[in-house]
PDB file of all heavy atoms in Angstrom:
ATOM      1  N   LEU A   1     218.265 118.274   7.652  1.00  0.00           N
ATOM      2  CA  LEU A   1     218.441 118.039   9.086  1.00  0.00           C
ATOM      3  C   LEU A   1     217.199 117.440   9.741  1.00  0.00           C
ATOM      4  O   LEU A   1     217.304 116.692  10.702  1.00  0.00           O
ATOM      5  CB  LEU A   1     218.807 119.360   9.783  1.00  0.00           C
ATOM      6  CG  LEU A   1     220.165 119.968   9.398  1.00  0.00           C
ATOM      7  CD1 LEU A   1     220.372 121.280  10.125  1.00  0.00           C
ATOM      8  CD2 LEU A   1     221.292 118.996   9.701  1.00  0.00           C
ATOM      9  N   ASN A   2     216.020 117.784   9.227  1.00  0.00           N
ATOM     10  CA  ASN A   2     214.793 117.316   9.875  1.00  0.00           C
ATOM     11  C   ASN A   2     214.122 116.188   9.096  1.00  0.00           C
ATOM     12  O   ASN A   2     212.934 115.955   9.218  1.00  0.00           O
ATOM     13  CB  ASN A   2     213.800 118.476  10.040  1.00  0.00           C
ATOM     14  CG  ASN A   2     213.373 119.049   8.693  1.00  0.00           C
ATOM     15  OD1 ASN A   2     214.096 118.930   7.711  1.00  0.00           O
ATOM     16  ND2 ASN A   2     212.221 119.689   8.654  1.00  0.00           N
ATOM     17  N   ASP A   3     214.893 115.486   8.259  1.00  0.00           N
ATOM     18  CA  ASP A   3     214.350 114.400   7.451  1.00  0.00           C
ATOM     19  C   ASP A   3     215.164 113.141   7.718  1.00  0.00           C
ATOM     20  O   ASP A   3     216.150 112.872   7.039  1.00  0.00           O
ATOM     21  CB  ASP A   3     214.411 114.794   5.971  1.00  0.00           C
ATOM     22  CG  ASP A   3     213.762 113.756   5.075  1.00  0.00           C
ATOM     23  OD1 ASP A   3     213.002 112.920   5.592  1.00  0.00           O
ATOM     24  OD2 ASP A   3     214.027 113.786   3.860  1.00  0.00           O
ATOM     25  N   PRO A   4     214.769 112.327   8.694  1.00  0.00           N
ATOM     26  CA  PRO A   4     215.597 111.185   9.096  1.00  0.00           C
ATOM     27  C   PRO A   4     215.575 110.057   8.080  1.00  0.00           C
ATOM     28  O   PRO A   4     214.645 109.915   7.292  1.00  0.00           O
ATOM     29  CB  PRO A   4     214.951 110.739  10.415  1.00  0.00           C
ATOM     30  CG  PRO A   4     213.514 111.155  10.278  1.00  0.00           C
ATOM     31  CD  PRO A   4     213.545 112.445   9.504  1.00  0.00           C
ATOM     32  N   ALA A   5     216.627 109.247   8.115  1.00  0.00           N
ATOM     33  CA  ALA A   5     216.709 108.029   7.310  1.00  0.00           C
ATOM     34  C   ALA A   5     217.424 106.979   8.146  1.00  0.00           C
ATOM     35  O   ALA A   5     218.523 107.220   8.642  1.00  0.00           O
ATOM     36  CB  ALA A   5     217.470 108.290   6.010  1.00  0.00           C
ATOM     37  N   HIS A   6     216.795 105.820   8.315  1.00  0.00           N
ATOM     38  CA  HIS A   6     217.370 104.772   9.160  1.00  0.00           C
ATOM     39  C   HIS A   6     217.602 103.473   8.406  1.00  0.00           C
ATOM     40  O   HIS A   6     218.139 102.524   8.973  1.00  0.00           O
ATOM     41  CB  HIS A   6     216.471 104.519  10.369  1.00  0.00           C
ATOM     42  CG  HIS A   6     216.239 105.730  11.208  1.00  0.00           C
ATOM     43  ND1 HIS A   6     217.250 106.370  11.896  1.00  0.00           N
ATOM     44  CD2 HIS A   6     215.115 106.452  11.442  1.00  0.00           C
ATOM     45  CE1 HIS A   6     216.750 107.429  12.540  1.00  0.00           C
ATOM     46  NE2 HIS A   6     215.458 107.501  12.281  1.00  0.00           N
ATOM     47  N   SER A   7     217.171 103.406   7.143  1.00  0.00           N
ATOM     48  CA  SER A   7     217.446 102.224   6.333  1.00  0.00           C
ATOM     49  C   SER A   7     217.472 102.632   4.870  1.00  0.00           C
ATOM     50  O   SER A   7     217.093 103.756   4.513  1.00  0.00           O
ATOM     51  CB  SER A   7     216.389 101.134   6.555  1.00  0.00           C
ATOM     52  OG  SER A   7     215.246 101.351   5.752  1.00  0.00           O
ATOM     53  N   ILE A   8     217.881 101.701   4.022  1.00  0.00           N
ATOM     54  CA  ILE A   8     217.994 101.994   2.602  1.00  0.00           C
ATOM     55  C   ILE A   8     216.629 102.220   1.947  1.00  0.00           C
ATOM     56  O   ILE A   8     216.559 102.690   0.810  1.00  0.00           O
ATOM     57  CB  ILE A   8     218.742 100.870   1.858  1.00  0.00           C
ATOM     58  CG1 ILE A   8     218.032  99.527   2.048  1.00  0.00           C
ATOM     59  CG2 ILE A   8     220.189 100.801   2.319  1.00  0.00           C
ATOM     60  CD1 ILE A   8     218.670  98.382   1.272  1.00  0.00           C
ATOM     61  N   TYR A   9     215.552 101.908   2.667  1.00  0.00           N
ATOM     62  CA  TYR A   9     214.210 102.096   2.121  1.00  0.00           C
ATOM     63  C   TYR A   9     213.546 103.380   2.609  1.00  0.00           C
ATOM     64  O   TYR A   9     212.372 103.619   2.324  1.00  0.00           O
ATOM     65  CB  TYR A   9     213.318 100.903   2.487  1.00  0.00           C
ATOM     66  CG  TYR A   9     213.788  99.598   1.890  1.00  0.00           C
ATOM     67  CD1 TYR A   9     214.466  98.658   2.656  1.00  0.00           C
ATOM     68  CD2 TYR A   9     213.579  99.314   0.553  1.00  0.00           C
ATOM     69  CE1 TYR A   9     214.904  97.468   2.115  1.00  0.00           C
ATOM     70  CE2 TYR A   9     214.015  98.120  -0.008  1.00  0.00           C
ATOM     71  CZ  TYR A   9     214.680  97.199   0.775  1.00  0.00           C
ATOM     72  OH  TYR A   9     215.125  96.027   0.226  1.00  0.00           O
ATOM     73  N   ALA A  10     214.269 104.216   3.332  1.00  0.00           N
ATOM     74  CA  ALA A  10     213.686 105.441   3.878  1.00  0.00           C
ATOM     75  C   ALA A  10     213.155 106.327   2.757  1.00  0.00           C
ATOM     76  O   ALA A  10     213.799 106.502   1.724  1.00  0.00           O
ATOM     77  CB  ALA A  10     214.726 106.195   4.698  1.00  0.00           C
ATOM     78  N   ILE A  11     211.967 106.884   2.965  1.00  0.00           N
ATOM     79  CA  ILE A  11     211.307 107.706   1.954  1.00  0.00           C
ATOM     80  C   ILE A  11     211.036 109.086   2.528  1.00  0.00           C
ATOM     81  O   ILE A  11     210.547 109.218   3.648  1.00  0.00           O
ATOM     82  CB  ILE A  11     209.982 107.071   1.493  1.00  0.00           C
ATOM     83  CG1 ILE A  11     210.261 105.738   0.795  1.00  0.00           C
ATOM     84  CG2 ILE A  11     209.229 108.004   0.559  1.00  0.00           C
ATOM     85  CD1 ILE A  11     209.011 105.001   0.388  1.00  0.00           C
ATOM     86  N   THR A  12     211.352 110.100   1.752  1.00  0.00           N
ATOM     87  CA  THR A  12     211.024 111.469   2.121  1.00  0.00           C
ATOM     88  C   THR A  12     209.584 111.765   1.725  1.00  0.00           C
ATOM     89  O   THR A  12     209.205 111.553   0.568  1.00  0.00           O
ATOM     90  CB  THR A  12     211.954 112.465   1.404  1.00  0.00           C
ATOM     91  OG1 THR A  12     213.294 112.242   1.837  1.00  0.00           O
ATOM     92  CG2 THR A  12     211.553 113.904   1.732  1.00  0.00           C
ATOM     93  N   ALA A  13     208.786 112.214   2.678  1.00  0.00           N
ATOM     94  CA  ALA A  13     207.392 112.532   2.386  1.00  0.00           C
ATOM     95  C   ALA A  13     207.317 113.603   1.308  1.00  0.00           C
ATOM     96  O   ALA A  13     207.976 114.621   1.404  1.00  0.00           O
ATOM     97  CB  ALA A  13     206.684 113.002   3.652  1.00  0.00           C
ATOM     98  N   ASN A  14     206.533 113.355   0.278  1.00  0.00           N
ATOM     99  CA  ASN A  14     206.441 114.311  -0.826  1.00  0.00           C
ATOM    100  C   ASN A  14     205.047 114.268  -1.438  1.00  0.00           C
ATOM    101  O   ASN A  14     204.893 114.239  -2.649  1.00  0.00           O
ATOM    102  CB  ASN A  14     207.492 114.003  -1.893  1.00  0.00           C
ATOM    103  CG  ASN A  14     207.893 115.250  -2.660  1.00  0.00           C
ATOM    104  OD1 ASN A  14     207.937 116.328  -2.086  1.00  0.00           O
ATOM    105  ND2 ASN A  14     208.181 115.117  -3.927  1.00  0.00           N
ATOM    106  N   ILE A  15     204.031 114.257  -0.579  1.00  0.00           N
ATOM    107  CA  ILE A  15     202.654 114.169  -1.055  1.00  0.00           C
ATOM    108  C   ILE A  15     201.889 115.409  -0.619  1.00  0.00           C
ATOM    109  O   ILE A  15     201.729 115.660   0.575  1.00  0.00           O
ATOM    110  CB  ILE A  15     201.952 112.921  -0.494  1.00  0.00           C
ATOM    111  CG1 ILE A  15     202.707 111.657  -0.942  1.00  0.00           C
ATOM    112  CG2 ILE A  15     200.510 112.864  -0.970  1.00  0.00           C
ATOM    113  CD1 ILE A  15     202.119 110.382  -0.384  1.00  0.00           C
ATOM    114  N   PRO A  16     201.404 116.209  -1.553  1.00  0.00           N
ATOM    115  CA  PRO A  16     200.609 117.383  -1.198  1.00  0.00           C
ATOM    116  C   PRO A  16     199.239 116.960  -0.712  1.00  0.00           C
ATOM    117  O   PRO A  16     198.639 116.023  -1.232  1.00  0.00           O
ATOM    118  CB  PRO A  16     200.507 118.161  -2.510  1.00  0.00           C
ATOM    119  CG  PRO A  16     200.654 117.123  -3.559  1.00  0.00           C
ATOM    120  CD  PRO A  16     201.584 116.080  -3.005  1.00  0.00           C
ATOM    121  N   LEU A  17     198.745 117.650   0.295  1.00  0.00           N
ATOM    122  CA  LEU A  17     197.463 117.278   0.892  1.00  0.00           C
ATOM    123  C   LEU A  17     196.444 118.388   0.824  1.00  0.00           C
ATOM    124  O   LEU A  17     195.432 118.348   1.509  1.00  0.00           O
ATOM    125  CB  LEU A  17     197.683 116.885   2.368  1.00  0.00           C
ATOM    126  CG  LEU A  17     198.660 115.734   2.616  1.00  0.00           C
ATOM    127  CD1 LEU A  17     198.860 115.528   4.113  1.00  0.00           C
ATOM    128  CD2 LEU A  17     198.154 114.454   1.972  1.00  0.00           C
ATOM    129  N   GLN A  18     196.674 119.404   0.011  1.00  0.00           N
ATOM    130  CA  GLN A  18     195.727 120.507  -0.043  1.00  0.00           C
ATOM    131  C   GLN A  18     194.361 120.010  -0.471  1.00  0.00           C
ATOM    132  O   GLN A  18     194.229 119.265  -1.442  1.00  0.00           O
ATOM    133  CB  GLN A  18     196.161 121.592  -1.041  1.00  0.00           C
ATOM    134  CG  GLN A  18     197.478 122.221  -0.686  1.00  0.00           C
ATOM    135  CD  GLN A  18     198.591 121.658  -1.540  1.00  0.00           C
ATOM    136  OE1 GLN A  18     198.650 120.467  -1.749  1.00  0.00           O
ATOM    137  NE2 GLN A  18     199.467 122.516  -2.013  1.00  0.00           N
ATOM    138  N   GLY A  19     193.351 120.414   0.268  1.00  0.00           N
ATOM    139  CA  GLY A  19     191.986 120.112  -0.113  1.00  0.00           C
ATOM    140  C   GLY A  19     191.577 118.673   0.133  1.00  0.00           C
ATOM    141  O   GLY A  19     190.509 118.255  -0.298  1.00  0.00           O
ATOM    142  N   ALA A  20     192.427 117.893   0.799  1.00  0.00           N
ATOM    143  CA  ALA A  20     192.102 116.493   1.003  1.00  0.00           C
ATOM    144  C   ALA A  20     190.801 116.361   1.791  1.00  0.00           C
ATOM    145  O   ALA A  20     190.658 116.891   2.886  1.00  0.00           O
ATOM    146  CB  ALA A  20     193.231 115.794   1.755  1.00  0.00           C
ATOM    147  N   GLY A  21     189.849 115.653   1.218  1.00  0.00           N
ATOM    148  CA  GLY A  21     188.585 115.428   1.899  1.00  0.00           C
ATOM    149  C   GLY A  21     187.629 116.596   1.833  1.00  0.00           C
ATOM    150  O   GLY A  21     186.506 116.499   2.329  1.00  0.00           O
ATOM    151  N   LEU A  22     188.033 117.716   1.253  1.00  0.00           N
ATOM    152  CA  LEU A  22     187.178 118.893   1.222  1.00  0.00           C
ATOM    153  C   LEU A  22     186.418 119.024  -0.092  1.00  0.00           C
ATOM    154  O   LEU A  22     185.343 119.614  -0.132  1.00  0.00           O
ATOM    155  CB  LEU A  22     188.033 120.152   1.445  1.00  0.00           C
ATOM    156  CG  LEU A  22     188.808 120.204   2.757  1.00  0.00           C
ATOM    157  CD1 LEU A  22     189.616 121.497   2.827  1.00  0.00           C
ATOM    158  CD2 LEU A  22     187.863 120.098   3.952  1.00  0.00           C
ATOM    159  N   LEU A  23     186.983 118.486  -1.181  1.00  0.00           N
ATOM    160  CA  LEU A  23     186.358 118.596  -2.485  1.00  0.00           C
ATOM    161  C   LEU A  23     186.137 117.212  -3.068  1.00  0.00           C
ATOM    162  O   LEU A  23     186.893 116.281  -2.783  1.00  0.00           O
ATOM    163  CB  LEU A  23     187.252 119.415  -3.439  1.00  0.00           C
ATOM    164  CG  LEU A  23     187.466 120.879  -3.064  1.00  0.00           C
ATOM    165  CD1 LEU A  23     188.473 121.504  -4.032  1.00  0.00           C
ATOM    166  CD2 LEU A  23     186.164 121.654  -3.099  1.00  0.00           C
ATOM    167  N   PRO A  24     185.110 117.037  -3.883  1.00  0.00           N
ATOM    168  CA  PRO A  24     184.905 115.742  -4.523  1.00  0.00           C
ATOM    169  C   PRO A  24     186.046 115.419  -5.469  1.00  0.00           C
ATOM    170  O   PRO A  24     186.594 116.298  -6.122  1.00  0.00           O
ATOM    171  CB  PRO A  24     183.578 115.940  -5.289  1.00  0.00           C
ATOM    172  CG  PRO A  24     183.475 117.423  -5.494  1.00  0.00           C
ATOM    173  CD  PRO A  24     184.091 118.040  -4.270  1.00  0.00           C
ATOM    174  N   ASN A  25     186.415 114.146  -5.515  1.00  0.00           N
ATOM    175  CA  ASN A  25     187.548 113.713  -6.337  1.00  0.00           C
ATOM    176  C   ASN A  25     187.040 113.358  -7.732  1.00  0.00           C
ATOM    177  O   ASN A  25     187.020 112.196  -8.133  1.00  0.00           O
ATOM    178  CB  ASN A  25     188.216 112.508  -5.677  1.00  0.00           C
ATOM    179  CG  ASN A  25     189.613 112.276  -6.217  1.00  0.00           C
ATOM    180  OD1 ASN A  25     190.241 113.180  -6.721  1.00  0.00           O
ATOM    181  ND2 ASN A  25     190.090 111.050  -6.107  1.00  0.00           N
TER     182      ASN A  25
END
């Protein structure tokens, strides 16, 4: 219900962001 799609290219966000920018990569 809370994941909109308006075209055939719509993408569901599925990227974890834990620790982003906090630890060296």
